[in-house]
Amino acid sequence: MKNNSAYYKKCLKPIPKYVLVIVLSIVFFSPFLIMVTTALKTNADAFQLPVRLFPREIIWNNFPEAMAKIPYVRYMMNTIFITLLSVVGQMVATPLVAYSLAKIKWKGAPIISALIMGTMMIPYTVTMIPLYKIWSRLGFTNTYVPLILPTFFGSPFYIIIMRQFFAGLPNSLMEAAKIDGAGEFKRYIAIALPLSRPALTTVGIYAFINAWSDYLAPLIYINKTEKLTLSLGLQGFLNQYSVDWTHLMAAATIFVIPVVIFFLFFQRNFVEGIATSGIKG
């Protein structure tokens, strides 16, 4: 009898956790579900009372009509261009800086690490105006240079993630390679970089999402219509007196889908990178 009681208690113990996870999942998924279902409605159906979550009639034409209402393909290509180069920049610069702070012994490393962590406390709104003045005087407004070039110098948050991961790599691996005659750069390329794939994936996902969905930076530096990103181009559905909600939700759905697919594809590596970046061996 006691064994049965203990067995049932063991089975029932995780149920509250599962219920909490399910409830939170529904809460966080509901905005995406509302966006998709609204994209499939007519304007009249979208504002019908009482509110219906699912459309009475599915309108697939909202998607091609939304793409035709604004230069969607052009904005998409601009966004893809900026995103790809931004991700490449972060993936090249971030591990280099992080490795130099974690595995190369030099006097300034602790100071630089502290300064990098300190810059994370400065909100973008504080540096926004000075940065704009600098890029404006250099003549790079209405270009993608202010959006892409800074990524080739790394980002503080990504550098900290990679630094923590490199700090957890056993020094014995580096010492063994050094004894075999491998130089510092070879140790970085042949040992540190392949082992850091989970953390690199985490950085890549963050960089992709931030560059893809960035709204404020393109709003500041880009004014020409043909150079707009998709996050700015969605304003084309906002009229002076009304909003074309069904077409806006359709365009937003297409905009979000690549991020969802990208995250789902690399989800396992993302979780592994987060779990291991703070572990020291």
Foldseek 3Di string as FASTA:
>chain_A
DVVVVVVVCVVCVCVVVVVVVVVVVCVVCVVVQQLVQLLQEDPCLCPDPPHDSHHPGGHPVLQVVLCVLFVLVLQAVLLVVLLVLLLVLQLPQQLVLLCCLQPPDDDCSVVVLVVLVVVVPDDCVVCVVVVLVVCVVVVCFQHCCVSRVVSNNHHSVLNLLSNLLSNQDDCVQVVVVVVVPDDPVRCCVVPVVVVLQLSSLLSSLVSNVCSLQPDVVCVSRHDDSSNHHLNVRLCSQPDPVDGPSNSSSSSVSVSCVVSVVSCVVCVVSNVVSVVNSNDHD
